[in-house]
Amino acid sequence: MRKVVVEDGKITLDDDIEEICEGEVKRIGNGAMILSSKKYIGKKVYVLVRKD
């Protein structure tokens, strides 16, 4: 069962994670990669790959 808690700017994630990737959100047209709002363009992000 997945459980995500955000409290005081910190995140706690309880899930089966297969891989964690670090990348940067980049502009594509008038949006951004990594299915993100364009307000995050240029910011660092983490991509978590969950097990099926």
PDB file of N, CA and C in Angstrom:
ATOM      1  N   MET A   1       0.834  -1.177   0.000  1.00  0.00           N
ATOM      2  CA  MET A   1       0.000   0.000   0.000  1.00  0.00           C
ATOM      3  C   MET A   1       0.881   1.243   0.000  1.00  0.00           C
ATOM      4  N   ARG A   2       0.528   2.224  -0.817  1.00  0.00           N
ATOM      5  CA  ARG A   2       1.318   3.437  -0.946  1.00  0.00           C
ATOM      6  C   ARG A   2       0.890   4.444   0.112  1.00  0.00           C
ATOM      7  N   LYS A   3       1.879   5.088   0.718  1.00  0.00           N
ATOM      8  CA  LYS A   3       1.602   6.118   1.702  1.00  0.00           C
ATOM      9  C   LYS A   3       2.598   7.250   1.485  1.00  0.00           C
ATOM     10  N   VAL A   4       2.078   8.461   1.223  1.00  0.00           N
ATOM     11  CA  VAL A   4       2.909   9.643   1.031  1.00  0.00           C
ATOM     12  C   VAL A   4       2.456  10.698   2.034  1.00  0.00           C
ATOM     13  N   VAL A   5       3.396  11.220   2.809  1.00  0.00           N
ATOM     14  CA  VAL A   5       3.084  12.247   3.797  1.00  0.00           C
ATOM     15  C   VAL A   5       4.024  13.427   3.573  1.00  0.00           C
ATOM     16  N   VAL A   6       3.457  14.630   3.432  1.00  0.00           N
ATOM     17  CA  VAL A   6       4.252  15.854   3.339  1.00  0.00           C
ATOM     18  C   VAL A   6       3.937  16.676   4.575  1.00  0.00           C
ATOM     19  N   GLU A   7       4.975  16.934   5.372  1.00  0.00           N
ATOM     20  CA  GLU A   7       4.789  17.654   6.628  1.00  0.00           C
ATOM     21  C   GLU A   7       5.960  18.596   6.842  1.00  0.00           C
ATOM     22  N   ASP A   8       5.680  19.861   7.005  1.00  0.00           N
ATOM     23  CA  ASP A   8       6.713  20.877   7.226  1.00  0.00           C
ATOM     24  C   ASP A   8       7.777  20.875   6.132  1.00  0.00           C
ATOM     25  N   GLY A   9       7.362  20.682   4.875  1.00  0.00           N
ATOM     26  CA  GLY A   9       8.296  20.709   3.753  1.00  0.00           C
ATOM     27  C   GLY A   9       9.121  19.445   3.588  1.00  0.00           C
ATOM     28  N   LYS A  10       8.849  18.410   4.359  1.00  0.00           N
ATOM     29  CA  LYS A  10       9.565  17.131   4.241  1.00  0.00           C
ATOM     30  C   LYS A  10       8.587  16.068   3.775  1.00  0.00           C
ATOM     31  N   ILE A  11       9.090  15.120   2.984  1.00  0.00           N
ATOM     32  CA  ILE A  11       8.238  14.072   2.428  1.00  0.00           C
ATOM     33  C   ILE A  11       8.645  12.721   3.000  1.00  0.00           C
ATOM     34  N   THR A  12       7.646  11.928   3.334  1.00  0.00           N
ATOM     35  CA  THR A  12       7.855  10.550   3.756  1.00  0.00           C
ATOM     36  C   THR A  12       7.089   9.668   2.779  1.00  0.00           C
ATOM     37  N   LEU A  13       7.777   8.720   2.167  1.00  0.00           N
ATOM     38  CA  LEU A  13       7.178   7.859   1.155  1.00  0.00           C
ATOM     39  C   LEU A  13       7.350   6.408   1.576  1.00  0.00           C
ATOM     40  N   ASP A  14       6.247   5.702   1.653  1.00  0.00           N
ATOM     41  CA  ASP A  14       6.274   4.283   1.993  1.00  0.00           C
ATOM     42  C   ASP A  14       5.695   3.519   0.811  1.00  0.00           C
ATOM     43  N   ASP A  15       6.562   2.965  -0.035  1.00  0.00           N
ATOM     44  CA  ASP A  15       6.146   2.284  -1.251  1.00  0.00           C
ATOM     45  C   ASP A  15       7.300   1.406  -1.733  1.00  0.00           C
ATOM     46  N   ASP A  16       7.025   0.507  -2.663  1.00  0.00           N
ATOM     47  CA  ASP A  16       8.071  -0.309  -3.269  1.00  0.00           C
ATOM     48  C   ASP A  16       8.687   0.470  -4.417  1.00  0.00           C
ATOM     49  N   ILE A  17       9.897   0.980  -4.219  1.00  0.00           N
ATOM     50  CA  ILE A  17      10.581   1.782  -5.222  1.00  0.00           C
ATOM     51  C   ILE A  17      11.657   0.938  -5.888  1.00  0.00           C
ATOM     52  N   GLU A  18      11.650   0.935  -7.209  1.00  0.00           N
ATOM     53  CA  GLU A  18      12.621   0.166  -7.979  1.00  0.00           C
ATOM     54  C   GLU A  18      13.869   0.979  -8.276  1.00  0.00           C
ATOM     55  N   GLU A  19      13.705   2.265  -8.564  1.00  0.00           N
ATOM     56  CA  GLU A  19      14.838   3.106  -8.942  1.00  0.00           C
ATOM     57  C   GLU A  19      14.506   4.561  -8.644  1.00  0.00           C
ATOM     58  N   ILE A  20      15.534   5.336  -8.321  1.00  0.00           N
ATOM     59  CA  ILE A  20      15.385   6.782  -8.137  1.00  0.00           C
ATOM     60  C   ILE A  20      16.341   7.455  -9.114  1.00  0.00           C
ATOM     61  N   CYS A  21      15.802   8.342  -9.945  1.00  0.00           N
ATOM     62  CA  CYS A  21      16.604   9.069 -10.928  1.00  0.00           C
ATOM     63  C   CYS A  21      16.552  10.551 -10.591  1.00  0.00           C
ATOM     64  N   GLU A  22      17.656  11.241 -10.810  1.00  0.00           N
ATOM     65  CA  GLU A  22      17.685  12.677 -10.595  1.00  0.00           C
ATOM     66  C   GLU A  22      17.847  13.339 -11.956  1.00  0.00           C
ATOM     67  N   GLY A  23      17.084  14.367 -12.204  1.00  0.00           N
ATOM     68  CA  GLY A  23      17.162  15.039 -13.491  1.00  0.00           C
ATOM     69  C   GLY A  23      16.777  16.489 -13.346  1.00  0.00           C
ATOM     70  N   GLU A  24      16.574  17.144 -14.478  1.00  0.00           N
ATOM     71  CA  GLU A  24      16.193  18.543 -14.492  1.00  0.00           C
ATOM     72  C   GLU A  24      14.992  18.706 -15.401  1.00  0.00           C
ATOM     73  N   VAL A  25      14.006  19.455 -14.956  1.00  0.00           N
ATOM     74  CA  VAL A  25      12.830  19.713 -15.787  1.00  0.00           C
ATOM     75  C   VAL A  25      13.259  20.665 -16.893  1.00  0.00           C
ATOM     76  N   LYS A  26      12.956  20.305 -18.150  1.00  0.00           N
ATOM     77  CA  LYS A  26      13.365  21.113 -19.295  1.00  0.00           C
ATOM     78  C   LYS A  26      12.159  21.527 -20.118  1.00  0.00           C
ATOM     79  N   ARG A  27      12.278  22.658 -20.753  1.00  0.00           N
ATOM     80  CA  ARG A  27      11.212  23.210 -21.564  1.00  0.00           C
ATOM     81  C   ARG A  27      10.992  22.382 -22.823  1.00  0.00           C
ATOM     82  N   ILE A  28       9.720  22.132 -23.145  1.00  0.00           N
ATOM     83  CA  ILE A  28       9.314  21.530 -24.411  1.00  0.00           C
ATOM     84  C   ILE A  28       8.121  22.348 -24.888  1.00  0.00           C
ATOM     85  N   GLY A  29       8.300  23.119 -25.932  1.00  0.00           N
ATOM     86  CA  GLY A  29       7.217  23.992 -26.397  1.00  0.00           C
ATOM     87  C   GLY A  29       6.872  24.988 -25.302  1.00  0.00           C
ATOM     88  N   ASN A  30       5.600  25.014 -24.915  1.00  0.00           N
ATOM     89  CA  ASN A  30       5.219  25.922 -23.826  1.00  0.00           C
ATOM     90  C   ASN A  30       4.971  25.155 -22.527  1.00  0.00           C
ATOM     91  N   GLY A  31       5.485  23.936 -22.431  1.00  0.00           N
ATOM     92  CA  GLY A  31       5.339  23.107 -21.227  1.00  0.00           C
ATOM     93  C   GLY A  31       6.694  22.659 -20.727  1.00  0.00           C
ATOM     94  N   ALA A  32       6.723  21.486 -20.094  1.00  0.00           N
ATOM     95  CA  ALA A  32       7.971  20.975 -19.550  1.00  0.00           C
ATOM     96  C   ALA A  32       7.957  19.459 -19.583  1.00  0.00           C
ATOM     97  N   MET A  33       9.159  18.859 -19.588  1.00  0.00           N
ATOM     98  CA  MET A  33       9.299  17.403 -19.538  1.00  0.00           C
ATOM     99  C   MET A  33       9.006  16.911 -18.135  1.00  0.00           C
ATOM    100  N   ILE A  34       8.883  15.612 -17.991  1.00  0.00           N
ATOM    101  CA  ILE A  34       8.623  14.910 -16.737  1.00  0.00           C
ATOM    102  C   ILE A  34       7.240  15.258 -16.208  1.00  0.00           C
ATOM    103  N   LEU A  35       6.295  15.466 -17.099  1.00  0.00           N
ATOM    104  CA  LEU A  35       4.904  15.720 -16.743  1.00  0.00           C
ATOM    105  C   LEU A  35       4.785  16.684 -15.573  1.00  0.00           C
ATOM    106  N   SER A  36       5.314  17.851 -15.787  1.00  0.00           N
ATOM    107  CA  SER A  36       5.362  18.842 -14.729  1.00  0.00           C
ATOM    108  C   SER A  36       4.840  20.174 -15.239  1.00  0.00           C
ATOM    109  N   SER A  37       4.378  20.983 -14.340  1.00  0.00           N
ATOM    110  CA  SER A  37       3.966  22.337 -14.681  1.00  0.00           C
ATOM    111  C   SER A  37       5.187  23.138 -15.101  1.00  0.00           C
ATOM    112  N   LYS A  38       5.011  24.094 -15.991  1.00  0.00           N
ATOM    113  CA  LYS A  38       6.173  24.845 -16.449  1.00  0.00           C
ATOM    114  C   LYS A  38       6.742  25.769 -15.381  1.00  0.00           C
ATOM    115  N   LYS A  39       6.054  25.916 -14.254  1.00  0.00           N
ATOM    116  CA  LYS A  39       6.629  26.718 -13.169  1.00  0.00           C
ATOM    117  C   LYS A  39       7.857  26.050 -12.567  1.00  0.00           C
ATOM    118  N   TYR A  40       8.091  24.752 -12.891  1.00  0.00           N
ATOM    119  CA  TYR A  40       9.250  24.033 -12.369  1.00  0.00           C
ATOM    120  C   TYR A  40      10.405  23.974 -13.366  1.00  0.00           C
ATOM    121  N   ILE A  41      10.303  24.626 -14.508  1.00  0.00           N
ATOM    122  CA  ILE A  41      11.369  24.589 -15.517  1.00  0.00           C
ATOM    123  C   ILE A  41      12.672  25.086 -14.898  1.00  0.00           C
ATOM    124  N   GLY A  42      13.725  24.315 -15.100  1.00  0.00           N
ATOM    125  CA  GLY A  42      15.047  24.662 -14.589  1.00  0.00           C
ATOM    126  C   GLY A  42      15.316  24.196 -13.171  1.00  0.00           C
ATOM    127  N   LYS A  43      14.316  23.669 -12.481  1.00  0.00           N
ATOM    128  CA  LYS A  43      14.512  23.183 -11.125  1.00  0.00           C
ATOM    129  C   LYS A  43      14.927  21.721 -11.142  1.00  0.00           C
ATOM    130  N   LYS A  44      15.610  21.286 -10.105  1.00  0.00           N
ATOM    131  CA  LYS A  44      16.020  19.888  -9.968  1.00  0.00           C
ATOM    132  C   LYS A  44      14.843  19.070  -9.462  1.00  0.00           C
ATOM    133  N   VAL A  45      14.728  17.842  -9.942  1.00  0.00           N
ATOM    134  CA  VAL A  45      13.622  16.973  -9.541  1.00  0.00           C
ATOM    135  C   VAL A  45      14.149  15.565  -9.304  1.00  0.00           C
ATOM    136  N   TYR A  46      13.361  14.767  -8.623  1.00  0.00           N
ATOM    137  CA  TYR A  46      13.628  13.348  -8.469  1.00  0.00           C
ATOM    138  C   TYR A  46      12.490  12.591  -9.135  1.00  0.00           C
ATOM    139  N   VAL A  47      12.834  11.531  -9.858  1.00  0.00           N
ATOM    140  CA  VAL A  47      11.838  10.667 -10.489  1.00  0.00           C
ATOM    141  C   VAL A  47      11.936   9.325  -9.788  1.00  0.00           C
ATOM    142  N   LEU A  48      10.829   8.878  -9.214  1.00  0.00           N
ATOM    143  CA  LEU A  48      10.787   7.599  -8.527  1.00  0.00           C
ATOM    144  C   LEU A  48      10.080   6.593  -9.411  1.00  0.00           C
ATOM    145  N   VAL A  49      10.699   5.446  -9.652  1.00  0.00           N
ATOM    146  CA  VAL A  49      10.112   4.382 -10.457  1.00  0.00           C
ATOM    147  C   VAL A  49       9.582   3.340  -9.493  1.00  0.00           C
ATOM    148  N   ARG A  50       8.251   3.218  -9.455  1.00  0.00           N
ATOM    149  CA  ARG A  50       7.610   2.256  -8.556  1.00  0.00           C
ATOM    150  C   ARG A  50       7.567   0.873  -9.171  1.00  0.00           C
ATOM    151  N   LYS A  51       7.613  -0.147  -8.331  1.00  0.00           N
ATOM    152  CA  LYS A  51       7.437  -1.518  -8.795  1.00  0.00           C
ATOM    153  C   LYS A  51       5.966  -1.719  -9.129  1.00  0.00           C
ATOM    154  N   ASP A  52       5.676  -2.567 -10.108  1.00  0.00           N
ATOM    155  CA  ASP A  52       4.282  -2.842 -10.479  1.00  0.00           C
ATOM    156  C   ASP A  52       3.609  -3.702  -9.454  1.00  0.00           C
TER     157      ASP A  52
END
